[in-house]
Amino acid sequence: MITITEGNHSFLSLGVYADNDFNRAAQRILEALKEFEYKNPDKRVISWKPNLDILRDCDTNFILCGLWIDHEPKKTEEKPVMANDLGNALGQD
């Protein structure tokens, strides 16, 4: 899977011939999104959409060319402040 990223947008090249099998296309999309998230733990996916190419010989056959993904940097998780840590931070031991 080839990924091209510019800023907060990425394109994942898939090139899957779906042959009117929407279940197979859906499975491939979910696998690709999972792989993207695994390889980019610092990014949070905001939205995505498929890039499909309808074949001329039949309206029901298509190629899943890839996915357009919009993402943003993940925010670092803030550690909750415990009551005794707050007292220490305020100089109250």
C-alpha atoms as a PDB file:
ATOM      1  CA  MET A   1       0.000   0.000   0.000  1.00  0.00           C
ATOM      2  CA  ILE A   2       1.481   3.316  -1.074  1.00  0.00           C
ATOM      3  CA  THR A   3       0.617   6.374   1.004  1.00  0.00           C
ATOM      4  CA  ILE A   4       1.123   9.965  -0.076  1.00  0.00           C
ATOM      5  CA  THR A   5       0.728  12.590   2.658  1.00  0.00           C
ATOM      6  CA  GLU A   6       0.642  16.369   2.404  1.00  0.00           C
ATOM      7  CA  GLY A   7      -0.206  18.217   5.595  1.00  0.00           C
ATOM      8  CA  ASN A   8      -3.347  16.741   7.122  1.00  0.00           C
ATOM      9  CA  HIS A   9      -4.412  14.814   4.012  1.00  0.00           C
ATOM     10  CA  SER A  10      -3.315  11.428   2.713  1.00  0.00           C
ATOM     11  CA  PHE A  11      -4.059   9.193  -0.255  1.00  0.00           C
ATOM     12  CA  LEU A  12      -3.722   5.426   0.108  1.00  0.00           C
ATOM     13  CA  SER A  13      -3.309   3.646  -3.195  1.00  0.00           C
ATOM     14  CA  LEU A  14      -5.185   0.310  -3.196  1.00  0.00           C
ATOM     15  CA  GLY A  15      -6.039  -0.742  -6.777  1.00  0.00           C
ATOM     16  CA  VAL A  16      -8.536  -3.470  -5.838  1.00  0.00           C
ATOM     17  CA  TYR A  17     -10.809  -4.841  -8.555  1.00  0.00           C
ATOM     18  CA  ALA A  18     -14.070  -5.275  -6.668  1.00  0.00           C
ATOM     19  CA  ASP A  19     -16.167  -7.015  -9.374  1.00  0.00           C
ATOM     20  CA  ASN A  20     -19.457  -5.879  -7.817  1.00  0.00           C
ATOM     21  CA  ASP A  21     -18.461  -7.427  -4.474  1.00  0.00           C
ATOM     22  CA  PHE A  22     -19.212  -4.592  -2.071  1.00  0.00           C
ATOM     23  CA  ASN A  23     -18.426  -6.785   0.945  1.00  0.00           C
ATOM     24  CA  ARG A  24     -14.898  -7.379  -0.316  1.00  0.00           C
ATOM     25  CA  ALA A  25     -14.472  -3.656  -1.011  1.00  0.00           C
ATOM     26  CA  ALA A  26     -15.727  -2.786   2.478  1.00  0.00           C
ATOM     27  CA  GLN A  27     -13.359  -5.313   4.045  1.00  0.00           C
ATOM     28  CA  ARG A  28     -10.411  -3.881   2.099  1.00  0.00           C
ATOM     29  CA  ILE A  29     -11.320  -0.332   3.149  1.00  0.00           C
ATOM     30  CA  LEU A  30     -11.475  -1.318   6.829  1.00  0.00           C
ATOM     31  CA  GLU A  31      -8.153  -3.176   6.567  1.00  0.00           C
ATOM     32  CA  ALA A  32      -6.514  -0.173   4.896  1.00  0.00           C
ATOM     33  CA  LEU A  33      -7.825   2.237   7.551  1.00  0.00           C
ATOM     34  CA  LYS A  34      -6.616  -0.075  10.319  1.00  0.00           C
ATOM     35  CA  GLU A  35      -3.162  -0.315   8.715  1.00  0.00           C
ATOM     36  CA  PHE A  36      -3.000   3.476   8.261  1.00  0.00           C
ATOM     37  CA  GLU A  37      -3.849   4.027  11.943  1.00  0.00           C
ATOM     38  CA  TYR A  38      -1.293   1.397  12.998  1.00  0.00           C
ATOM     39  CA  LYS A  39       1.480   2.965  10.907  1.00  0.00           C
ATOM     40  CA  ASN A  40       0.533   6.509  11.984  1.00  0.00           C
ATOM     41  CA  PRO A  41      -0.164   6.402  15.728  1.00  0.00           C
ATOM     42  CA  ASP A  42       0.391  10.165  15.907  1.00  0.00           C
ATOM     43  CA  LYS A  43      -2.539  10.898  13.550  1.00  0.00           C
ATOM     44  CA  ARG A  44      -6.290  10.845  14.261  1.00  0.00           C
ATOM     45  CA  VAL A  45      -8.477  10.101  11.234  1.00  0.00           C
ATOM     46  CA  ILE A  46     -11.187  12.740  10.892  1.00  0.00           C
ATOM     47  CA  SER A  47     -12.842  11.491   7.705  1.00  0.00           C
ATOM     48  CA  TRP A  48     -12.182   9.394   4.625  1.00  0.00           C
ATOM     49  CA  LYS A  49     -13.782   8.631   1.284  1.00  0.00           C
ATOM     50  CA  PRO A  50     -13.100   6.007  -1.379  1.00  0.00           C
ATOM     51  CA  ASN A  51     -11.745   6.803  -4.798  1.00  0.00           C
ATOM     52  CA  LEU A  52     -13.674   4.510  -7.170  1.00  0.00           C
ATOM     53  CA  ASP A  53     -13.331   4.004 -10.900  1.00  0.00           C
ATOM     54  CA  ILE A  54     -16.472   2.598 -12.558  1.00  0.00           C
ATOM     55  CA  LEU A  55     -15.549   0.299 -15.432  1.00  0.00           C
ATOM     56  CA  ARG A  56     -17.039   1.155 -18.796  1.00  0.00           C
ATOM     57  CA  ASP A  57     -18.201  -2.338 -19.674  1.00  0.00           C
ATOM     58  CA  CYS A  58     -20.632  -2.556 -16.769  1.00  0.00           C
ATOM     59  CA  ASP A  59     -21.972  -0.079 -14.234  1.00  0.00           C
ATOM     60  CA  THR A  60     -21.682  -2.575 -11.386  1.00  0.00           C
ATOM     61  CA  ASN A  61     -17.984  -3.401 -11.735  1.00  0.00           C
ATOM     62  CA  PHE A  62     -15.540  -0.989 -10.215  1.00  0.00           C
ATOM     63  CA  ILE A  63     -11.970  -0.593  -9.069  1.00  0.00           C
ATOM     64  CA  LEU A  64     -11.312   0.694  -5.588  1.00  0.00           C
ATOM     65  CA  CYS A  65      -8.360   2.890  -6.534  1.00  0.00           C
ATOM     66  CA  GLY A  66      -7.650   4.147  -3.053  1.00  0.00           C
ATOM     67  CA  LEU A  67      -8.775   6.160  -0.066  1.00  0.00           C
ATOM     68  CA  TRP A  68      -8.633   9.880   0.611  1.00  0.00           C
ATOM     69  CA  ILE A  69      -8.044  10.399   4.335  1.00  0.00           C
ATOM     70  CA  ASP A  70      -8.273  13.630   6.317  1.00  0.00           C
ATOM     71  CA  HIS A  71      -6.456  13.530   9.640  1.00  0.00           C
ATOM     72  CA  GLU A  72      -5.044  15.691  12.390  1.00  0.00           C
ATOM     73  CA  PRO A  73      -2.258  15.235  14.910  1.00  0.00           C
ATOM     74  CA  LYS A  74      -3.365  13.310  17.970  1.00  0.00           C
ATOM     75  CA  LYS A  75      -3.399  15.352  21.121  1.00  0.00           C
ATOM     76  CA  THR A  76      -1.172  14.018  23.860  1.00  0.00           C
ATOM     77  CA  GLU A  77      -3.233  12.473  26.565  1.00  0.00           C
ATOM     78  CA  GLU A  78      -3.177  14.544  29.690  1.00  0.00           C
ATOM     79  CA  LYS A  79      -2.455  12.716  32.895  1.00  0.00           C
ATOM     80  CA  PRO A  80      -5.224  13.263  35.462  1.00  0.00           C
ATOM     81  CA  VAL A  81      -4.108  15.224  38.516  1.00  0.00           C
ATOM     82  CA  MET A  82      -4.451  13.249  41.719  1.00  0.00           C
ATOM     83  CA  ALA A  83      -5.524  15.027  44.925  1.00  0.00           C
ATOM     84  CA  ASN A  84      -2.175  14.568  46.697  1.00  0.00           C
ATOM     85  CA  ASP A  85      -0.295  15.691  43.539  1.00  0.00           C
ATOM     86  CA  LEU A  86      -2.381  18.882  43.507  1.00  0.00           C
ATOM     87  CA  GLY A  87      -1.463  19.582  47.133  1.00  0.00           C
ATOM     88  CA  ASN A  88       2.231  19.076  46.313  1.00  0.00           C
ATOM     89  CA  ALA A  89       1.943  21.358  43.273  1.00  0.00           C
ATOM     90  CA  LEU A  90       0.427  24.098  45.455  1.00  0.00           C
ATOM     91  CA  GLY A  91       3.178  23.705  48.064  1.00  0.00           C
ATOM     92  CA  GLN A  92       0.850  22.112  50.591  1.00  0.00           C
ATOM     93  CA  ASP A  93       2.509  18.995  51.964  1.00  0.00           C
END
